[in-house]
Amino acid sequence: MLSHEFHRIVKQAGLENVRFHDLRHTFASLALLRGAKPKVISEALGHASVAFTMDVYSHIISGMQEEAMALLDEVLPPGKNGVAQKNNANLTPKADIISMKG
């Protein structure tokens, strides 16, 4: 059986408490961190919906949301028609907003 063979290999490698199923989580986490599309990851894992995948791995993407907003700050003009305004919106979330999510 594959899981027994995996357990033998893990033990030989000196690792403990690593299950075959943990490889799925490692794959999904690393793929999300590297920018893979959630839909692709969801399909690879055989999840019924992207929503389920994102619920399971939402802790991985919390920092990615801040990065995405920072990218918008770089791309969007500083004000209407490119003219600087006094009250420019900074789209990068503040730490207190992110901590409330948890």
C-alpha atoms as a PDB file:
ATOM      1  CA  MET A   1       0.000   0.000   0.000  1.00  0.00           C
ATOM      2  CA  LEU A   2       1.293   3.463  -0.928  1.00  0.00           C
ATOM      3  CA  SER A   3       0.801   5.016   2.509  1.00  0.00           C
ATOM      4  CA  HIS A   4       2.843   2.238   4.147  1.00  0.00           C
ATOM      5  CA  GLU A   5       5.670   2.724   1.667  1.00  0.00           C
ATOM      6  CA  PHE A   6       5.516   6.467   2.249  1.00  0.00           C
ATOM      7  CA  HIS A   7       5.710   5.911   6.018  1.00  0.00           C
ATOM      8  CA  ARG A   8       8.816   3.729   5.542  1.00  0.00           C
ATOM      9  CA  ILE A   9      10.511   6.398   3.383  1.00  0.00           C
ATOM     10  CA  VAL A  10       9.634   9.171   5.833  1.00  0.00           C
ATOM     11  CA  LYS A  11      11.043   7.139   8.712  1.00  0.00           C
ATOM     12  CA  GLN A  12      14.271   6.474   6.778  1.00  0.00           C
ATOM     13  CA  ALA A  13      14.580  10.210   6.145  1.00  0.00           C
ATOM     14  CA  GLY A  14      14.421  10.834   9.884  1.00  0.00           C
ATOM     15  CA  LEU A  15      11.104  12.656   9.720  1.00  0.00           C
ATOM     16  CA  GLU A  16       8.341  12.074  12.209  1.00  0.00           C
ATOM     17  CA  ASN A  17       4.622  12.747  12.156  1.00  0.00           C
ATOM     18  CA  VAL A  18       4.491  13.336   8.395  1.00  0.00           C
ATOM     19  CA  ARG A  19       1.483  11.755   6.735  1.00  0.00           C
ATOM     20  CA  PHE A  20       0.997  11.060   3.046  1.00  0.00           C
ATOM     21  CA  HIS A  21      -2.011  13.385   3.143  1.00  0.00           C
ATOM     22  CA  ASP A  22       0.291  16.218   4.279  1.00  0.00           C
ATOM     23  CA  LEU A  23       1.741  16.279   0.762  1.00  0.00           C
ATOM     24  CA  ARG A  24      -1.586  17.654  -0.504  1.00  0.00           C
ATOM     25  CA  HIS A  25      -1.444  20.538   1.950  1.00  0.00           C
ATOM     26  CA  THR A  26       2.184  21.229   1.101  1.00  0.00           C
ATOM     27  CA  PHE A  27       1.387  21.253  -2.623  1.00  0.00           C
ATOM     28  CA  ALA A  28      -1.570  23.611  -2.206  1.00  0.00           C
ATOM     29  CA  SER A  29       0.251  25.959   0.168  1.00  0.00           C
ATOM     30  CA  LEU A  30       3.358  26.244  -1.994  1.00  0.00           C
ATOM     31  CA  ALA A  31       1.328  26.634  -5.169  1.00  0.00           C
ATOM     32  CA  LEU A  32      -0.710  29.480  -3.654  1.00  0.00           C
ATOM     33  CA  LEU A  33       2.422  31.181  -2.371  1.00  0.00           C
ATOM     34  CA  ARG A  34       3.974  30.952  -5.840  1.00  0.00           C
ATOM     35  CA  GLY A  35       0.926  32.578  -7.405  1.00  0.00           C
ATOM     36  CA  ALA A  36      -0.918  29.616  -8.895  1.00  0.00           C
ATOM     37  CA  LYS A  37      -4.573  30.264  -9.629  1.00  0.00           C
ATOM     38  CA  PRO A  38      -6.891  28.937  -6.898  1.00  0.00           C
ATOM     39  CA  LYS A  39      -9.121  27.294  -9.542  1.00  0.00           C
ATOM     40  CA  VAL A  40      -6.192  25.225 -10.811  1.00  0.00           C
ATOM     41  CA  ILE A  41      -5.230  24.175  -7.289  1.00  0.00           C
ATOM     42  CA  SER A  42      -8.838  23.318  -6.443  1.00  0.00           C
ATOM     43  CA  GLU A  43      -9.118  21.100  -9.518  1.00  0.00           C
ATOM     44  CA  ALA A  44      -5.781  19.398  -8.818  1.00  0.00           C
ATOM     45  CA  LEU A  45      -6.919  18.575  -5.283  1.00  0.00           C
ATOM     46  CA  GLY A  46     -10.294  17.334  -6.488  1.00  0.00           C
ATOM     47  CA  HIS A  47     -12.258  19.811  -4.397  1.00  0.00           C
ATOM     48  CA  ALA A  48     -15.900  20.363  -5.304  1.00  0.00           C
ATOM     49  CA  SER A  49     -15.458  24.139  -5.408  1.00  0.00           C
ATOM     50  CA  VAL A  50     -12.849  26.866  -5.341  1.00  0.00           C
ATOM     51  CA  ALA A  51     -14.696  28.292  -2.333  1.00  0.00           C
ATOM     52  CA  PHE A  52     -13.880  25.163  -0.318  1.00  0.00           C
ATOM     53  CA  THR A  53     -10.218  25.352  -1.314  1.00  0.00           C
ATOM     54  CA  MET A  54     -10.026  28.999  -0.333  1.00  0.00           C
ATOM     55  CA  ASP A  55     -11.739  28.324   3.003  1.00  0.00           C
ATOM     56  CA  VAL A  56      -9.167  25.636   3.809  1.00  0.00           C
ATOM     57  CA  TYR A  57      -6.162  27.692   2.698  1.00  0.00           C
ATOM     58  CA  SER A  58      -7.283  31.198   3.630  1.00  0.00           C
ATOM     59  CA  HIS A  59      -4.501  31.447   6.226  1.00  0.00           C
ATOM     60  CA  ILE A  60      -1.987  31.179   3.361  1.00  0.00           C
ATOM     61  CA  ILE A  61      -3.463  34.022   1.334  1.00  0.00           C
ATOM     62  CA  SER A  62      -3.819  36.642   4.078  1.00  0.00           C
ATOM     63  CA  GLY A  63      -0.391  38.120   3.293  1.00  0.00           C
ATOM     64  CA  MET A  64      -1.037  37.777  -0.429  1.00  0.00           C
ATOM     65  CA  GLN A  65      -4.035  40.121  -0.156  1.00  0.00           C
ATOM     66  CA  GLU A  66      -1.837  42.888   1.199  1.00  0.00           C
ATOM     67  CA  GLU A  67       0.644  42.325  -1.642  1.00  0.00           C
ATOM     68  CA  ALA A  68      -2.165  42.562  -4.206  1.00  0.00           C
ATOM     69  CA  MET A  69      -3.383  45.854  -2.783  1.00  0.00           C
ATOM     70  CA  ALA A  70       0.165  47.219  -2.832  1.00  0.00           C
ATOM     71  CA  LEU A  71       0.321  46.354  -6.539  1.00  0.00           C
ATOM     72  CA  LEU A  72      -2.843  48.383  -7.105  1.00  0.00           C
ATOM     73  CA  ASP A  73      -1.258  51.312  -5.282  1.00  0.00           C
ATOM     74  CA  GLU A  74       1.578  51.153  -7.815  1.00  0.00           C
ATOM     75  CA  VAL A  75      -0.661  50.846 -10.888  1.00  0.00           C
ATOM     76  CA  LEU A  76      -3.457  53.302 -10.166  1.00  0.00           C
ATOM     77  CA  PRO A  77      -2.821  56.980 -10.795  1.00  0.00           C
ATOM     78  CA  PRO A  78      -2.427  59.157  -7.710  1.00  0.00           C
ATOM     79  CA  GLY A  79      -5.681  61.028  -8.322  1.00  0.00           C
ATOM     80  CA  LYS A  80      -8.418  61.790 -10.809  1.00  0.00           C
ATOM     81  CA  ASN A  81      -6.986  62.090 -14.332  1.00  0.00           C
ATOM     82  CA  GLY A  82      -3.501  61.597 -12.904  1.00  0.00           C
ATOM     83  CA  VAL A  83      -3.679  64.828 -10.895  1.00  0.00           C
ATOM     84  CA  ALA A  84      -2.615  64.455  -7.290  1.00  0.00           C
ATOM     85  CA  GLN A  85      -5.400  65.065  -4.799  1.00  0.00           C
ATOM     86  CA  LYS A  86      -5.183  65.913  -1.147  1.00  0.00           C
ATOM     87  CA  ASN A  87      -7.030  62.800   0.073  1.00  0.00           C
ATOM     88  CA  ASN A  88      -5.555  59.977  -1.980  1.00  0.00           C
ATOM     89  CA  ALA A  89      -6.774  56.572  -0.927  1.00  0.00           C
ATOM     90  CA  ASN A  90      -4.070  54.143   0.089  1.00  0.00           C
ATOM     91  CA  LEU A  91      -5.384  50.726  -0.897  1.00  0.00           C
ATOM     92  CA  THR A  92      -2.859  48.781   1.151  1.00  0.00           C
ATOM     93  CA  PRO A  93      -4.677  47.372   4.212  1.00  0.00           C
ATOM     94  CA  LYS A  94      -3.454  48.483   7.592  1.00  0.00           C
ATOM     95  CA  ALA A  95      -2.343  45.907  10.165  1.00  0.00           C
ATOM     96  CA  ASP A  96      -5.348  46.556  12.421  1.00  0.00           C
ATOM     97  CA  ILE A  97      -7.732  45.695   9.576  1.00  0.00           C
ATOM     98  CA  ILE A  98      -5.918  42.455   8.803  1.00  0.00           C
ATOM     99  CA  SER A  99      -5.811  41.368  12.447  1.00  0.00           C
ATOM    100  CA  MET A 100      -9.600  41.789  12.722  1.00  0.00           C
ATOM    101  CA  LYS A 101     -10.090  39.154   9.994  1.00  0.00           C
ATOM    102  CA  GLY A 102      -8.736  36.283  12.075  1.00  0.00           C
END
